[in-house]
Amino acid sequence: MATCESQSTHLFGSSYYANRAKLRVKIKSLAAEATIIRKEEKKYDGQSPERATLRLHRIVDVREESRAAQLAYAYLRCKPYKSIEQKAGRPIPVKRLESLIRKYGSHTAIEGFAKWLE
């Protein structure tokens, strides 16, 4: 099983760092998307359905995806989960995290995931 101490380019290959860069771009894109949505919300009256829909998308969809991406990035960088979220009020999106780790990590990156969550 690959652990954080044994991770290196010979284990993951050169695409490992490129994939981490793609994940960083995803995180930045989600932050920009939230900012854009917030600006769009301000164009509508206080209780309009358009504003409520935009706000709901930002608060639920974009925020959850951003959280999952940031947790996946922390995992791939071998940061302990407890150092990232000390008091999480919501359950961890495990399935989405696994999906992101498989997509942006190596084929063996998921092996220590369950232990990381403890």
C-alpha atoms as a PDB file:
ATOM      1  CA  MET A   1       0.000   0.000   0.000  1.00  0.00           C
ATOM      2  CA  ALA A   2       1.307   3.445  -0.901  1.00  0.00           C
ATOM      3  CA  THR A   3       1.629   5.788   2.039  1.00  0.00           C
ATOM      4  CA  CYS A   4       2.398   9.476   2.115  1.00  0.00           C
ATOM      5  CA  GLU A   5       5.986   8.767   3.106  1.00  0.00           C
ATOM      6  CA  SER A   6       6.552   6.506   0.094  1.00  0.00           C
ATOM      7  CA  GLN A   7       4.970   8.748  -2.534  1.00  0.00           C
ATOM      8  CA  SER A   8       7.348   9.864  -5.224  1.00  0.00           C
ATOM      9  CA  THR A   9       7.425  10.394  -8.942  1.00  0.00           C
ATOM     10  CA  HIS A  10       8.730   6.883  -9.567  1.00  0.00           C
ATOM     11  CA  LEU A  11       5.603   5.509  -7.896  1.00  0.00           C
ATOM     12  CA  PHE A  12       3.052   7.807  -9.501  1.00  0.00           C
ATOM     13  CA  GLY A  13       4.715   8.817 -12.745  1.00  0.00           C
ATOM     14  CA  SER A  14       5.095  12.266 -14.234  1.00  0.00           C
ATOM     15  CA  SER A  15       1.349  12.722 -14.778  1.00  0.00           C
ATOM     16  CA  TYR A  16       0.823  12.693 -10.989  1.00  0.00           C
ATOM     17  CA  TYR A  17       1.955  16.305 -10.608  1.00  0.00           C
ATOM     18  CA  ALA A  18       0.090  17.383 -13.740  1.00  0.00           C
ATOM     19  CA  ASN A  19      -3.107  15.901 -12.308  1.00  0.00           C
ATOM     20  CA  ARG A  20      -2.585  17.753  -9.026  1.00  0.00           C
ATOM     21  CA  ALA A  21      -2.227  20.949 -11.036  1.00  0.00           C
ATOM     22  CA  LYS A  22      -5.540  20.190 -12.766  1.00  0.00           C
ATOM     23  CA  LEU A  23      -7.164  19.757  -9.363  1.00  0.00           C
ATOM     24  CA  ARG A  24      -5.757  23.119  -8.236  1.00  0.00           C
ATOM     25  CA  VAL A  25      -7.277  24.706 -11.349  1.00  0.00           C
ATOM     26  CA  LYS A  26     -10.622  23.072 -10.535  1.00  0.00           C
ATOM     27  CA  ILE A  27     -10.517  24.533  -7.016  1.00  0.00           C
ATOM     28  CA  LYS A  28      -9.733  27.998  -8.358  1.00  0.00           C
ATOM     29  CA  SER A  29     -12.474  27.695 -10.988  1.00  0.00           C
ATOM     30  CA  LEU A  30     -15.043  26.774  -8.356  1.00  0.00           C
ATOM     31  CA  ALA A  31     -14.036  29.776  -6.245  1.00  0.00           C
ATOM     32  CA  ALA A  32     -14.407  32.036  -9.284  1.00  0.00           C
ATOM     33  CA  GLU A  33     -17.782  30.458 -10.086  1.00  0.00           C
ATOM     34  CA  ALA A  34     -19.053  31.233  -6.586  1.00  0.00           C
ATOM     35  CA  THR A  35     -17.929  34.850  -6.962  1.00  0.00           C
ATOM     36  CA  ILE A  36     -19.625  35.186 -10.347  1.00  0.00           C
ATOM     37  CA  ILE A  37     -22.860  33.683  -9.041  1.00  0.00           C
ATOM     38  CA  ARG A  38     -22.805  36.058  -6.050  1.00  0.00           C
ATOM     39  CA  LYS A  39     -22.495  39.030  -8.443  1.00  0.00           C
ATOM     40  CA  GLU A  40     -25.358  37.696 -10.559  1.00  0.00           C
ATOM     41  CA  GLU A  41     -27.534  37.304  -7.459  1.00  0.00           C
ATOM     42  CA  LYS A  42     -27.206  41.016  -6.760  1.00  0.00           C
ATOM     43  CA  LYS A  43     -28.880  41.818 -10.096  1.00  0.00           C
ATOM     44  CA  TYR A  44     -32.212  40.411  -8.888  1.00  0.00           C
ATOM     45  CA  ASP A  45     -34.679  41.656  -6.290  1.00  0.00           C
ATOM     46  CA  GLY A  46     -34.539  40.256  -2.772  1.00  0.00           C
ATOM     47  CA  GLN A  47     -37.075  37.427  -3.023  1.00  0.00           C
ATOM     48  CA  SER A  48     -37.105  36.705  -6.760  1.00  0.00           C
ATOM     49  CA  PRO A  49     -37.090  33.069  -7.874  1.00  0.00           C
ATOM     50  CA  GLU A  50     -34.066  33.703 -10.087  1.00  0.00           C
ATOM     51  CA  ARG A  51     -32.025  34.952  -7.155  1.00  0.00           C
ATOM     52  CA  ALA A  52     -33.155  32.050  -4.972  1.00  0.00           C
ATOM     53  CA  THR A  53     -32.164  29.550  -7.671  1.00  0.00           C
ATOM     54  CA  LEU A  54     -28.732  31.111  -8.109  1.00  0.00           C
ATOM     55  CA  ARG A  55     -28.166  31.239  -4.364  1.00  0.00           C
ATOM     56  CA  LEU A  56     -29.227  27.628  -3.932  1.00  0.00           C
ATOM     57  CA  HIS A  57     -26.848  26.536  -6.698  1.00  0.00           C
ATOM     58  CA  ARG A  58     -23.981  28.464  -5.075  1.00  0.00           C
ATOM     59  CA  ILE A  59     -24.689  27.307  -1.520  1.00  0.00           C
ATOM     60  CA  VAL A  60     -25.432  23.647  -2.279  1.00  0.00           C
ATOM     61  CA  ASP A  61     -23.785  22.550  -5.517  1.00  0.00           C
ATOM     62  CA  VAL A  62     -20.748  24.787  -5.877  1.00  0.00           C
ATOM     63  CA  ARG A  63     -19.893  24.803  -2.171  1.00  0.00           C
ATOM     64  CA  GLU A  64     -20.110  21.017  -1.829  1.00  0.00           C
ATOM     65  CA  GLU A  65     -18.042  20.436  -4.964  1.00  0.00           C
ATOM     66  CA  SER A  66     -15.464  22.945  -3.735  1.00  0.00           C
ATOM     67  CA  ARG A  67     -15.255  21.223  -0.353  1.00  0.00           C
ATOM     68  CA  ALA A  68     -14.820  17.819  -1.979  1.00  0.00           C
ATOM     69  CA  ALA A  69     -12.121  19.139  -4.328  1.00  0.00           C
ATOM     70  CA  GLN A  70     -10.222  20.775  -1.476  1.00  0.00           C
ATOM     71  CA  LEU A  71     -10.398  17.615   0.640  1.00  0.00           C
ATOM     72  CA  ALA A  72      -9.196  15.508  -2.300  1.00  0.00           C
ATOM     73  CA  TYR A  73      -6.319  17.925  -2.858  1.00  0.00           C
ATOM     74  CA  ALA A  74      -5.393  17.746   0.828  1.00  0.00           C
ATOM     75  CA  TYR A  75      -5.475  13.943   0.695  1.00  0.00           C
ATOM     76  CA  LEU A  76      -3.259  13.835  -2.395  1.00  0.00           C
ATOM     77  CA  ARG A  77      -0.821  16.181  -0.651  1.00  0.00           C
ATOM     78  CA  CYS A  78      -0.793  13.907   2.434  1.00  0.00           C
ATOM     79  CA  LYS A  79      -2.305  16.494   4.750  1.00  0.00           C
ATOM     80  CA  PRO A  80      -4.080  14.866   7.713  1.00  0.00           C
ATOM     81  CA  TYR A  81      -7.856  15.207   7.547  1.00  0.00           C
ATOM     82  CA  LYS A  82      -8.039  16.611  11.077  1.00  0.00           C
ATOM     83  CA  SER A  83      -5.720  19.470  10.067  1.00  0.00           C
ATOM     84  CA  ILE A  84      -8.110  20.422   7.262  1.00  0.00           C
ATOM     85  CA  GLU A  85     -11.485  20.196   9.023  1.00  0.00           C
ATOM     86  CA  GLN A  86     -11.515  20.330  12.792  1.00  0.00           C
ATOM     87  CA  LYS A  87     -15.263  20.895  13.169  1.00  0.00           C
ATOM     88  CA  ALA A  88     -17.093  19.814  10.040  1.00  0.00           C
ATOM     89  CA  GLY A  89     -20.806  20.457  10.378  1.00  0.00           C
ATOM     90  CA  ARG A  90     -21.737  18.346   7.383  1.00  0.00           C
ATOM     91  CA  PRO A  91     -20.976  14.734   6.527  1.00  0.00           C
ATOM     92  CA  ILE A  92     -17.963  14.045   4.348  1.00  0.00           C
ATOM     93  CA  PRO A  93     -18.922  13.509   0.675  1.00  0.00           C
ATOM     94  CA  VAL A  94     -17.085  10.166   0.554  1.00  0.00           C
ATOM     95  CA  LYS A  95     -18.273   9.000  -2.877  1.00  0.00           C
ATOM     96  CA  ARG A  96     -17.389  12.320  -4.510  1.00  0.00           C
ATOM     97  CA  LEU A  97     -14.023  12.377  -2.751  1.00  0.00           C
ATOM     98  CA  GLU A  98     -13.215   8.874  -3.958  1.00  0.00           C
ATOM     99  CA  SER A  99     -14.172   9.897  -7.480  1.00  0.00           C
ATOM    100  CA  LEU A 100     -11.903  12.949  -7.409  1.00  0.00           C
ATOM    101  CA  ILE A 101      -9.010  10.998  -5.897  1.00  0.00           C
ATOM    102  CA  ARG A 102      -9.309   8.345  -8.597  1.00  0.00           C
ATOM    103  CA  LYS A 103      -9.473  11.011 -11.300  1.00  0.00           C
ATOM    104  CA  TYR A 104      -6.629  13.247 -10.107  1.00  0.00           C
ATOM    105  CA  GLY A 105      -4.491  10.760  -8.170  1.00  0.00           C
ATOM    106  CA  SER A 106      -2.656   7.666  -9.262  1.00  0.00           C
ATOM    107  CA  HIS A 107      -4.221   4.241  -9.612  1.00  0.00           C
ATOM    108  CA  THR A 108      -2.957   3.382  -6.101  1.00  0.00           C
ATOM    109  CA  ALA A 109      -3.790   6.723  -4.467  1.00  0.00           C
ATOM    110  CA  ILE A 110      -7.131   5.539  -3.090  1.00  0.00           C
ATOM    111  CA  GLU A 111      -5.572   2.759  -0.999  1.00  0.00           C
ATOM    112  CA  GLY A 112      -5.070   4.777   2.194  1.00  0.00           C
ATOM    113  CA  PHE A 113      -8.257   6.822   1.919  1.00  0.00           C
ATOM    114  CA  ALA A 114     -10.319   5.033   4.595  1.00  0.00           C
ATOM    115  CA  LYS A 115      -7.486   5.382   7.106  1.00  0.00           C
ATOM    116  CA  TRP A 116      -7.109   9.090   6.212  1.00  0.00           C
ATOM    117  CA  LEU A 117     -10.725   9.752   7.218  1.00  0.00           C
ATOM    118  CA  GLU A 118     -10.206   8.399  10.755  1.00  0.00           C
END
